[in-house]
Amino acid sequence: MTNEWLPEDYKEPVTSNYMNFEEGTNFFRILGKFSDGTAIMGLEYWKTLTVDGKPKRSPIRVPLGTVINSDEIEINPKTGQPDFPKFFWALPVWNYSAMKVQILEIKQKTVRQAIETLAKNPKWGDLSTYDICVTRVEDSGKTTYTVTPDPKSELAPEIKKIYESMKINIQAMFNKDSNTPGGDPFAPVDEAEKLAEEADKILNKKTKEEI
């Protein structure tokens, strides 16, 4: 008997701006690059911060090379173990399941290594020229990830237009200091902030030229 109450292709809308690897297949297209600052890599650890007057466990993300003092490391209340900094990638992607641009934070070393291998392989190269599928499998308490590239294909113009119009500031994910929550990379950039950034660029350029 056909269920006429819901459309056959009905899916609960995804509201999150962040992608996580779900059980099964996860198809996405990478949109950002480390070379131009539209993707970032660094270290992440968790710390209890005061947010809206209440204590809250929050991620602290810092660029590679940042010195993290031992007194910044807290004990994870769930595991009872220190929350040592972990290496991560964060990059904007088009999530085909959610049908939207999201930020994917990759903490799994096996996934990063597989994607790195693709990027360095001349037969594949530029990660923005093909879709990637990460398959997550849970078996007897163990989680495994398999990374598979799809044949190369042009990114749909509609997706490119959506991404470019969003003007994601992924650098905002880095914490300004270890006592302040990270910013929202999807928040509109204030015009005054834009002008200040442009002024800094001009000054830095002049200083380099003088040197």
Protein backbone atom coordinates (compact mmCIF):
# COMPACT_ATOMS: atom_id res chain seq x y z
CA MET A 1 0.00 0.00 0.00
CA THR A 2 1.40 3.40 -1.00
CA ASN A 3 1.81 5.94 1.75
CA GLU A 4 0.16 9.07 0.35
CA TRP A 5 0.49 11.09 3.55
CA LEU A 6 4.15 12.01 2.90
CA PRO A 7 5.93 12.49 -0.43
CA GLU A 8 8.15 9.54 -1.38
CA ASP A 9 11.24 11.79 -1.43
CA TYR A 10 10.48 13.49 1.90
CA LYS A 11 13.53 14.27 4.09
CA GLU A 12 13.75 16.22 7.33
CA PRO A 13 15.39 19.59 6.49
CA VAL A 14 18.96 20.03 7.72
CA THR A 15 19.47 23.28 9.62
CA SER A 16 23.04 22.85 10.87
CA ASN A 17 25.86 24.73 9.16
CA TYR A 18 28.27 21.93 10.05
CA MET A 19 28.65 18.52 8.45
CA ASN A 20 29.43 15.35 10.39
CA PHE A 21 30.13 11.92 8.96
CA GLU A 22 26.96 9.87 9.40
CA GLU A 23 26.72 6.08 9.37
CA GLY A 24 26.87 4.92 5.75
CA THR A 25 27.83 7.06 2.76
CA ASN A 26 28.61 10.79 2.89
CA PHE A 27 28.95 12.55 -0.47
CA PHE A 28 30.42 16.04 -0.64
CA ARG A 29 32.39 18.44 -2.84
CA ILE A 30 35.27 20.37 -1.28
CA LEU A 31 34.95 24.11 -1.95
CA GLY A 32 37.82 25.67 -0.01
CA LYS A 33 41.62 25.61 -0.19
CA PHE A 34 44.35 25.95 2.42
CA SER A 35 46.43 27.97 -0.05
CA ASP A 36 43.99 30.91 -0.12
CA GLY A 37 42.74 30.74 3.47
CA THR A 38 39.26 29.47 2.62
CA ALA A 39 40.14 26.26 4.52
CA ILE A 40 42.10 26.01 7.75
CA MET A 41 44.10 23.50 9.75
CA GLY A 42 45.22 23.69 13.34
CA LEU A 43 44.91 22.23 16.82
CA GLU A 44 41.71 21.84 18.81
CA TYR A 45 41.13 21.16 22.49
CA TRP A 46 38.18 21.67 24.84
CA LYS A 47 37.92 24.06 27.75
CA THR A 48 35.19 25.24 30.14
CA LEU A 49 34.29 28.84 29.29
CA THR A 50 31.67 31.20 30.64
CA VAL A 51 29.08 31.66 27.90
CA ASP A 52 26.01 33.81 28.62
CA GLY A 53 26.87 33.67 32.29
CA LYS A 54 27.02 29.87 32.41
CA PRO A 55 29.95 27.40 32.26
CA LYS A 56 30.08 25.57 28.96
CA ARG A 57 32.56 23.13 27.44
CA SER A 58 33.74 24.82 24.25
CA PRO A 59 36.28 23.99 21.54
CA ILE A 60 39.45 26.08 21.42
CA ARG A 61 40.99 26.15 17.94
CA VAL A 62 44.41 27.63 17.30
CA PRO A 63 46.71 27.75 14.25
CA LEU A 64 49.57 25.29 13.97
CA GLY A 65 52.63 26.45 15.85
CA THR A 66 50.64 28.04 18.67
CA VAL A 67 52.09 27.28 22.10
CA ILE A 68 49.46 25.70 24.38
CA ASN A 69 50.34 25.81 28.07
CA SER A 70 49.77 22.65 30.11
CA ASP A 71 47.46 24.53 32.51
CA GLU A 72 45.06 25.08 29.59
CA ILE A 73 44.40 21.34 29.28
CA GLU A 74 41.34 20.07 31.16
CA ILE A 75 40.15 16.60 32.11
CA ASN A 76 37.36 15.30 29.88
CA PRO A 77 34.41 14.69 32.24
CA LYS A 78 33.23 11.74 30.14
CA THR A 79 36.51 9.85 29.78
CA GLY A 80 38.40 11.10 32.82
CA GLN A 81 41.42 11.65 30.55
CA PRO A 82 43.17 14.93 29.64
CA ASP A 83 41.77 16.62 26.54
CA PHE A 84 45.05 16.97 24.67
CA PRO A 85 45.02 19.10 21.49
CA LYS A 86 44.08 17.24 18.31
CA PHE A 87 45.01 18.15 14.75
CA PHE A 88 42.09 19.09 12.49
CA TRP A 89 41.12 20.36 9.07
CA ALA A 90 38.09 22.59 8.59
CA LEU A 91 36.83 23.31 5.09
CA PRO A 92 33.65 24.43 3.36
CA VAL A 93 31.89 21.69 1.39
CA TRP A 94 28.70 21.09 -0.50
CA ASN A 95 26.90 18.32 1.36
CA TYR A 96 24.74 16.45 -1.17
CA SER A 97 22.61 14.86 1.54
CA ALA A 98 21.80 18.16 3.26
CA MET A 99 21.75 19.99 -0.09
CA LYS A 100 23.61 22.96 1.38
CA VAL A 101 27.02 24.48 1.99
CA GLN A 102 28.43 23.41 5.35
CA ILE A 103 31.76 23.38 7.14
CA LEU A 104 33.28 19.92 7.53
CA GLU A 105 35.80 19.49 10.33
CA ILE A 106 37.97 16.44 9.70
CA LYS A 107 39.61 15.03 12.81
CA GLN A 108 40.02 11.46 11.53
CA LYS A 109 43.64 10.89 10.49
CA THR A 110 42.72 8.07 8.06
CA VAL A 111 40.31 10.36 6.21
CA ARG A 112 42.82 13.21 6.00
CA GLN A 113 45.56 10.88 4.73
CA ALA A 114 43.28 9.42 2.05
CA ILE A 115 42.26 12.88 0.84
CA GLU A 116 45.91 14.01 0.89
CA THR A 117 46.81 11.02 -1.28
CA LEU A 118 44.16 12.02 -3.82
CA ALA A 119 45.34 15.64 -3.85
CA LYS A 120 48.94 14.58 -4.52
CA ASN A 121 48.00 12.07 -7.22
CA PRO A 122 48.33 13.76 -10.65
CA LYS A 123 45.44 11.66 -11.94
CA TRP A 124 43.12 13.28 -9.39
CA GLY A 125 44.77 16.46 -8.14
CA ASP A 126 42.52 19.49 -7.47
CA LEU A 127 39.96 18.34 -4.91
CA SER A 128 37.37 20.83 -6.14
CA THR A 129 37.05 19.00 -9.48
CA TYR A 130 35.31 15.85 -8.21
CA ASP A 131 33.05 14.62 -5.44
CA ILE A 132 34.28 12.53 -2.54
CA CYS A 133 32.42 9.80 -0.68
CA VAL A 134 33.38 8.94 2.89
CA THR A 135 31.76 5.72 4.07
CA ARG A 136 31.48 5.34 7.83
CA VAL A 137 30.94 1.82 9.20
CA GLU A 138 30.26 0.90 12.83
CA ASP A 139 31.08 -2.71 13.69
CA SER A 140 31.46 -4.20 17.18
CA GLY A 141 32.22 -0.82 18.69
CA LYS A 142 34.85 0.00 16.07
CA THR A 143 34.44 2.82 13.53
CA THR A 144 36.13 2.68 10.13
CA TYR A 145 36.18 5.20 7.30
CA THR A 146 36.69 4.57 3.59
CA VAL A 147 37.38 7.43 1.17
CA THR A 148 36.39 7.06 -2.49
CA PRO A 149 36.58 9.70 -5.26
CA ASP A 150 33.86 10.04 -7.87
CA PRO A 151 34.74 10.61 -11.54
CA LYS A 152 35.72 14.22 -12.26
CA SER A 153 32.80 16.52 -13.04
CA GLU A 154 32.04 20.21 -13.22
CA LEU A 155 30.60 21.76 -10.08
CA ALA A 156 27.00 22.84 -10.70
CA PRO A 157 26.94 26.63 -11.33
CA GLU A 158 24.11 26.97 -8.80
CA ILE A 159 26.28 25.47 -6.03
CA LYS A 160 29.22 27.72 -6.91
CA LYS A 161 26.95 30.77 -6.87
CA ILE A 162 25.51 29.83 -3.45
CA TYR A 163 28.97 29.31 -1.98
CA GLU A 164 30.41 32.56 -3.32
CA SER A 165 27.40 34.56 -2.13
CA MET A 166 27.81 33.30 1.45
CA LYS A 167 31.26 34.89 1.92
CA ILE A 168 32.22 32.42 4.65
CA ASN A 169 34.94 33.68 6.97
CA ILE A 170 36.35 30.33 8.09
CA GLN A 171 39.24 32.07 9.88
CA ALA A 172 36.68 33.10 12.51
CA MET A 173 36.77 29.53 13.83
CA PHE A 174 40.15 30.29 15.41
CA ASN A 175 39.82 31.59 18.97
CA LYS A 176 41.22 35.09 19.59
CA ASP A 177 42.33 33.83 23.01
CA SER A 178 41.78 30.74 25.15
CA ASN A 179 39.09 32.43 27.26
CA THR A 180 36.87 33.61 24.40
CA PRO A 181 34.56 31.40 22.29
CA GLY A 182 35.37 31.14 18.60
CA GLY A 183 33.45 33.26 16.14
CA ASP A 184 30.75 32.29 13.66
CA PRO A 185 32.25 31.84 10.17
CA PHE A 186 28.78 32.30 8.67
CA ALA A 187 28.12 35.66 10.36
CA PRO A 188 28.03 38.69 8.04
CA VAL A 189 31.29 40.63 8.13
CA ASP A 190 30.78 44.15 9.46
CA GLU A 191 31.64 46.85 6.91
CA ALA A 192 33.92 48.64 9.38
CA GLU A 193 35.77 45.37 9.97
CA LYS A 194 36.20 44.94 6.22
CA LEU A 195 37.69 48.44 5.89
CA ALA A 196 40.04 47.80 8.83
CA GLU A 197 41.25 44.56 7.22
CA GLU A 198 41.85 46.33 3.90
CA ALA A 199 43.79 49.10 5.69
CA ASP A 200 45.95 46.49 7.43
CA LYS A 201 46.70 44.81 4.10
CA ILE A 202 47.75 48.12 2.53
CA LEU A 203 49.96 49.02 5.50
CA ASN A 204 51.56 45.57 5.53
CA LYS A 205 52.20 45.80 1.80
CA LYS A 206 53.85 49.22 2.16
CA THR A 207 55.99 47.99 5.05
CA LYS A 208 57.21 45.01 3.02
CA GLU A 209 58.00 47.26 0.05
CA GLU A 210 59.99 49.63 2.29
CA ILE A 211 61.97 46.68 3.65
